[in-house]
C-alpha atoms as a PDB file:
ATOM      1  CA  MET A   1       0.224   9.052  17.347  1.00  0.00           C
ATOM      2  CA  GLY A   2       1.073   7.198  14.120  1.00  0.00           C
ATOM      3  CA  LEU A   3       3.619   7.744  11.331  1.00  0.00           C
ATOM      4  CA  VAL A   4       2.939   9.267   7.926  1.00  0.00           C
ATOM      5  CA  LEU A   5       4.847   7.534   5.122  1.00  0.00           C
ATOM      6  CA  THR A   6       5.946  10.027   2.369  1.00  0.00           C
ATOM      7  CA  SER A   7       8.846  11.125   0.272  1.00  0.00           C
ATOM      8  CA  TRP A   8      10.322   8.212  -1.620  1.00  0.00           C
ATOM      9  CA  SER A   9      13.695   8.709  -3.276  1.00  0.00           C
ATOM     10  CA  SER A  10      14.251   8.026  -7.007  1.00  0.00           C
ATOM     11  CA  SER A  11      16.109   4.814  -6.253  1.00  0.00           C
ATOM     12  CA  SER A  12      13.012   3.405  -4.529  1.00  0.00           C
ATOM     13  CA  SER A  13      11.242   3.293  -7.929  1.00  0.00           C
ATOM     14  CA  LYS A  14      13.037  -0.160  -8.371  1.00  0.00           C
ATOM     15  CA  LEU A  15      11.311  -1.639  -5.347  1.00  0.00           C
ATOM     16  CA  THR A  16       9.272  -4.772  -5.990  1.00  0.00           C
ATOM     17  CA  SER A  17       8.338  -5.575  -2.364  1.00  0.00           C
ATOM     18  CA  LEU A  18       7.609  -3.299   0.516  1.00  0.00           C
ATOM     19  CA  ILE A  19       6.907  -4.810   3.953  1.00  0.00           C
ATOM     20  CA  LEU A  20       5.936  -2.347   6.677  1.00  0.00           C
ATOM     21  CA  ARG A  21       4.426  -4.411   9.507  1.00  0.00           C
ATOM     22  CA  SER A  22       3.604  -2.977  12.941  1.00  0.00           C
ATOM     23  CA  HIS A  23       5.028   0.486  12.344  1.00  0.00           C
ATOM     24  CA  LEU A  24       1.960   2.603  13.470  1.00  0.00           C
ATOM     25  CA  ILE A  25       1.612   4.048   9.926  1.00  0.00           C
ATOM     26  CA  ARG A  26      -1.455   6.110   9.534  1.00  0.00           C
ATOM     27  CA  THR A  27      -1.265   7.492   5.984  1.00  0.00           C
ATOM     28  CA  MET A  28       0.172   6.227   2.861  1.00  0.00           C
ATOM     29  CA  GLU A  29       1.178   9.144   0.537  1.00  0.00           C
ATOM     30  CA  GLY A  30       3.720   9.456  -2.239  1.00  0.00           C
ATOM     31  CA  ILE A  31       3.849   5.758  -3.091  1.00  0.00           C
ATOM     32  CA  GLY A  32       1.656   5.867  -6.175  1.00  0.00           C
ATOM     33  CA  ASP A  33       4.786   6.100  -8.438  1.00  0.00           C
ATOM     34  CA  LEU A  34       6.326   2.860  -7.240  1.00  0.00           C
ATOM     35  CA  GLY A  35       5.385   1.243 -10.513  1.00  0.00           C
ATOM     36  CA  ARG A  36       7.384  -1.950  -9.966  1.00  0.00           C
ATOM     37  CA  LEU A  37       5.861  -2.718  -6.602  1.00  0.00           C
ATOM     38  CA  ASP A  38       3.997  -6.075  -6.734  1.00  0.00           C
ATOM     39  CA  LEU A  39       3.896  -6.899  -2.986  1.00  0.00           C
ATOM     40  CA  LEU A  40       2.798  -4.414  -0.297  1.00  0.00           C
ATOM     41  CA  GLU A  41       2.359  -5.494   3.314  1.00  0.00           C
ATOM     42  CA  LEU A  42       0.877  -2.969   5.722  1.00  0.00           C
ATOM     43  CA  TYR A  43      -0.171  -5.580   8.289  1.00  0.00           C
ATOM     44  CA  ASP A  44      -0.940  -4.211  11.851  1.00  0.00           C
ATOM     45  CA  ASN A  45      -0.743  -0.447  11.282  1.00  0.00           C
ATOM     46  CA  GLN A  46      -3.276   2.387  11.639  1.00  0.00           C
ATOM     47  CA  VAL A  47      -4.057   3.027   7.932  1.00  0.00           C
ATOM     48  CA  ASP A  48      -7.526   4.332   7.523  1.00  0.00           C
ATOM     49  CA  GLU A  49      -7.711   4.956   3.810  1.00  0.00           C
ATOM     50  CA  LEU A  50      -6.288   3.332   0.708  1.00  0.00           C
ATOM     51  CA  ARG A  51      -4.635   6.037  -1.326  1.00  0.00           C
ATOM     52  CA  GLU A  52      -2.751   6.264  -4.592  1.00  0.00           C
ATOM     53  CA  LEU A  53      -3.810   2.821  -5.901  1.00  0.00           C
ATOM     54  CA  ASP A  54      -4.983   4.384  -9.157  1.00  0.00           C
ATOM     55  CA  GLY A  55      -1.350   5.128 -10.130  1.00  0.00           C
ATOM     56  CA  PRO A  56       1.401   2.886 -11.535  1.00  0.00           C
ATOM     57  CA  MET A  57       1.713   0.982  -8.198  1.00  0.00           C
ATOM     58  CA  GLY A  58      -1.902  -0.131  -8.207  1.00  0.00           C
ATOM     59  CA  LYS A  59      -1.655  -1.545 -11.749  1.00  0.00           C
ATOM     60  CA  ASN A  60       1.168  -3.875 -10.923  1.00  0.00           C
ATOM     61  CA  LEU A  61       0.277  -4.770  -7.303  1.00  0.00           C
ATOM     62  CA  ARG A  62      -0.338  -8.556  -7.031  1.00  0.00           C
ATOM     63  CA  VAL A  63      -0.199  -9.153  -3.208  1.00  0.00           C
ATOM     64  CA  LEU A  64      -1.654  -6.694  -0.703  1.00  0.00           C
ATOM     65  CA  ASP A  65      -1.889  -7.314   3.062  1.00  0.00           C
ATOM     66  CA  ILE A  66      -3.850  -4.708   4.908  1.00  0.00           C
ATOM     67  CA  SER A  67      -4.822  -6.843   7.862  1.00  0.00           C
ATOM     68  CA  TYR A  68      -5.359  -5.213  11.270  1.00  0.00           C
ATOM     69  CA  ASN A  69      -5.851  -1.657   9.956  1.00  0.00           C
ATOM     70  CA  VAL A  70      -8.884   0.604  10.186  1.00  0.00           C
ATOM     71  CA  ILE A  71      -9.793   0.818   6.517  1.00  0.00           C
ATOM     72  CA  ARG A  72     -13.537   1.138   5.848  1.00  0.00           C
ATOM     73  CA  ASP A  73     -13.676   1.831   2.102  1.00  0.00           C
ATOM     74  CA  MET A  74     -12.323  -0.957  -0.082  1.00  0.00           C
ATOM     75  CA  GLY A  75     -13.373   0.822  -3.296  1.00  0.00           C
ATOM     76  CA  PRO A  76      -9.900   1.908  -4.357  1.00  0.00           C
ATOM     77  CA  LEU A  77      -8.954  -1.747  -4.806  1.00  0.00           C
ATOM     78  CA  CYS A  78     -10.902  -1.634  -8.124  1.00  0.00           C
ATOM     79  CA  SER A  79      -7.811   0.014  -9.626  1.00  0.00           C
ATOM     80  CA  CYS A  80      -5.604  -3.049  -8.739  1.00  0.00           C
ATOM     81  CA  THR A  81      -6.397  -5.037 -11.845  1.00  0.00           C
ATOM     82  CA  ASN A  82      -3.498  -7.538 -11.253  1.00  0.00           C
ATOM     83  CA  LEU A  83      -4.359  -8.154  -7.646  1.00  0.00           C
ATOM     84  CA  ARG A  84      -4.215 -11.866  -6.909  1.00  0.00           C
ATOM     85  CA  GLU A  85      -3.956 -11.994  -3.107  1.00  0.00           C
ATOM     86  CA  LEU A  86      -5.664  -9.686  -0.618  1.00  0.00           C
ATOM     87  CA  CYS A  87      -5.364 -10.137   3.111  1.00  0.00           C
ATOM     88  CA  GLU A  88      -7.692  -8.107   5.228  1.00  0.00           C
ATOM     89  CA  LEU A  89      -9.583  -8.358   8.483  1.00  0.00           C
END
């Protein structure tokens, strides 16, 4: 059983980096409004779908590590126009 990551507080809108390695996260929801986020590490979780990358977060994201997840569709990455580093296996 994995975790579902949701419900960010208003103070989290100032986050520039979010590192969530090996937390058994299955679903990313409610992070699309983290508009200042430029680094997101989801290494070694159970994420199966990239969600909310078409919002403010996706526009500013420069580094994304989605290694060791079960993501099959990389299409949503097209919204990440500033992405400079992608780590995925």
